[in-house]
């Protein structure tokens, strides 16, 4: 059940990230979106436990209850070309 909650959370943030890109005028290729999955994220830990500093995490929430998205420079080797 916890894994499903994490996948749902990842899905929400992927949607926010795509919306942010579109809002900034970036073209988001539907072919790329068809091949991403929130279940294949480093945040999904199928076999272990996770320690969370709740106070720190809650302090980061914005007015709509979301944490801020991380800005990634396109020249970053980890950046995904959408």
C-alpha atoms as a PDB file:
ATOM      1  CA  UNK A   1       0.000   0.000   0.000  1.00  0.00           C
ATOM      2  CA  UNK A   2       2.846   2.381   0.783  1.00  0.00           C
ATOM      3  CA  UNK A   3       4.452   1.651  -2.588  1.00  0.00           C
ATOM      4  CA  UNK A   4       1.183   2.545  -4.315  1.00  0.00           C
ATOM      5  CA  UNK A   5       1.056   5.819  -2.373  1.00  0.00           C
ATOM      6  CA  UNK A   6       4.626   6.660  -3.476  1.00  0.00           C
ATOM      7  CA  UNK A   7       3.781   5.885  -7.117  1.00  0.00           C
ATOM      8  CA  UNK A   8       0.702   8.137  -6.875  1.00  0.00           C
ATOM      9  CA  UNK A   9       2.841  10.885  -5.345  1.00  0.00           C
ATOM     10  CA  UNK A  10       5.428  10.514  -8.123  1.00  0.00           C
ATOM     11  CA  UNK A  11       2.639  10.682 -10.714  1.00  0.00           C
ATOM     12  CA  UNK A  12       1.384  13.956  -9.230  1.00  0.00           C
ATOM     13  CA  UNK A  13       4.836  15.513  -9.344  1.00  0.00           C
ATOM     14  CA  UNK A  14       5.537  14.272 -12.876  1.00  0.00           C
ATOM     15  CA  UNK A  15       2.347  16.037 -13.933  1.00  0.00           C
ATOM     16  CA  UNK A  16       3.460  19.216 -12.182  1.00  0.00           C
ATOM     17  CA  UNK A  17       6.868  19.031 -13.878  1.00  0.00           C
ATOM     18  CA  UNK A  18       5.331  18.555 -17.339  1.00  0.00           C
ATOM     19  CA  UNK A  19       2.937  21.443 -16.653  1.00  0.00           C
ATOM     20  CA  UNK A  20       5.877  23.627 -15.614  1.00  0.00           C
ATOM     21  CA  UNK A  21       7.743  22.780 -18.823  1.00  0.00           C
ATOM     22  CA  UNK A  22       4.690  23.511 -20.986  1.00  0.00           C
ATOM     23  CA  UNK A  23       4.058  26.739 -19.096  1.00  0.00           C
ATOM     24  CA  UNK A  24       7.634  27.812 -19.835  1.00  0.00           C
ATOM     25  CA  UNK A  25       7.048  27.282 -23.545  1.00  0.00           C
ATOM     26  CA  UNK A  26       8.908  23.967 -23.823  1.00  0.00           C
ATOM     27  CA  UNK A  27       7.481  21.381 -26.181  1.00  0.00           C
ATOM     28  CA  UNK A  28       6.832  18.101 -24.368  1.00  0.00           C
ATOM     29  CA  UNK A  29       6.942  15.198 -26.793  1.00  0.00           C
ATOM     30  CA  UNK A  30       4.053  12.770 -26.221  1.00  0.00           C
ATOM     31  CA  UNK A  31       6.296   9.933 -27.464  1.00  0.00           C
ATOM     32  CA  UNK A  32       8.689  10.582 -24.567  1.00  0.00           C
ATOM     33  CA  UNK A  33       5.845  10.816 -22.049  1.00  0.00           C
ATOM     34  CA  UNK A  34       4.543   7.446 -23.225  1.00  0.00           C
ATOM     35  CA  UNK A  35       7.761   5.831 -21.994  1.00  0.00           C
ATOM     36  CA  UNK A  36       8.126   7.282 -18.517  1.00  0.00           C
ATOM     37  CA  UNK A  37       6.778   5.600 -15.419  1.00  0.00           C
ATOM     38  CA  UNK A  38       6.434   6.860 -11.851  1.00  0.00           C
ATOM     39  CA  UNK A  39       7.090   3.314 -10.632  1.00  0.00           C
ATOM     40  CA  UNK A  40      10.628   3.395 -12.062  1.00  0.00           C
ATOM     41  CA  UNK A  41      11.793   6.154  -9.765  1.00  0.00           C
ATOM     42  CA  UNK A  42      14.622   6.148  -7.262  1.00  0.00           C
ATOM     43  CA  UNK A  43      12.023   7.256  -4.694  1.00  0.00           C
ATOM     44  CA  UNK A  44      10.265   3.888  -4.889  1.00  0.00           C
ATOM     45  CA  UNK A  45      11.897   1.586  -2.360  1.00  0.00           C
ATOM     46  CA  UNK A  46      10.308  -1.856  -2.672  1.00  0.00           C
ATOM     47  CA  UNK A  47      12.397  -3.692  -0.099  1.00  0.00           C
ATOM     48  CA  UNK A  48      13.557  -1.329   2.622  1.00  0.00           C
ATOM     49  CA  UNK A  49      12.545   1.306   5.078  1.00  0.00           C
ATOM     50  CA  UNK A  50      12.665   5.061   4.707  1.00  0.00           C
ATOM     51  CA  UNK A  51      13.384   7.603   7.421  1.00  0.00           C
ATOM     52  CA  UNK A  52      11.569  10.912   6.961  1.00  0.00           C
ATOM     53  CA  UNK A  53      12.093  14.182   8.844  1.00  0.00           C
ATOM     54  CA  UNK A  54       8.414  15.193   8.847  1.00  0.00           C
ATOM     55  CA  UNK A  55       9.000  18.671  10.266  1.00  0.00           C
ATOM     56  CA  UNK A  56      11.538  19.478   7.556  1.00  0.00           C
ATOM     57  CA  UNK A  57       9.311  18.082   4.797  1.00  0.00           C
ATOM     58  CA  UNK A  58       6.183  19.897   6.004  1.00  0.00           C
ATOM     59  CA  UNK A  59       8.113  23.180   6.200  1.00  0.00           C
ATOM     60  CA  UNK A  60       8.801  22.942   2.431  1.00  0.00           C
ATOM     61  CA  UNK A  61       5.147  22.726   1.371  1.00  0.00           C
ATOM     62  CA  UNK A  62       3.797  25.616  -0.677  1.00  0.00           C
ATOM     63  CA  UNK A  63       0.341  27.132  -0.490  1.00  0.00           C
ATOM     64  CA  UNK A  64      -1.164  24.300  -2.577  1.00  0.00           C
ATOM     65  CA  UNK A  65       0.486  21.585  -0.479  1.00  0.00           C
ATOM     66  CA  UNK A  66       3.269  20.687  -2.917  1.00  0.00           C
ATOM     67  CA  UNK A  67       7.018  20.785  -2.441  1.00  0.00           C
ATOM     68  CA  UNK A  68       8.857  23.051  -4.916  1.00  0.00           C
ATOM     69  CA  UNK A  69      10.071  21.429  -8.123  1.00  0.00           C
ATOM     70  CA  UNK A  70      13.821  21.222  -8.579  1.00  0.00           C
ATOM     71  CA  UNK A  71      15.255  23.315 -11.390  1.00  0.00           C
ATOM     72  CA  UNK A  72      17.545  21.320 -13.671  1.00  0.00           C
ATOM     73  CA  UNK A  73      19.816  22.940 -16.219  1.00  0.00           C
ATOM     74  CA  UNK A  74      19.571  21.260 -19.621  1.00  0.00           C
ATOM     75  CA  UNK A  75      23.377  20.916 -19.702  1.00  0.00           C
ATOM     76  CA  UNK A  76      23.157  18.754 -16.561  1.00  0.00           C
ATOM     77  CA  UNK A  77      24.128  15.149 -17.484  1.00  0.00           C
ATOM     78  CA  UNK A  78      21.070  13.905 -15.572  1.00  0.00           C
ATOM     79  CA  UNK A  79      18.646  16.156 -17.446  1.00  0.00           C
ATOM     80  CA  UNK A  80      16.087  14.438 -19.617  1.00  0.00           C
ATOM     81  CA  UNK A  81      15.381  16.013 -22.997  1.00  0.00           C
ATOM     82  CA  UNK A  82      11.601  16.273 -23.127  1.00  0.00           C
END
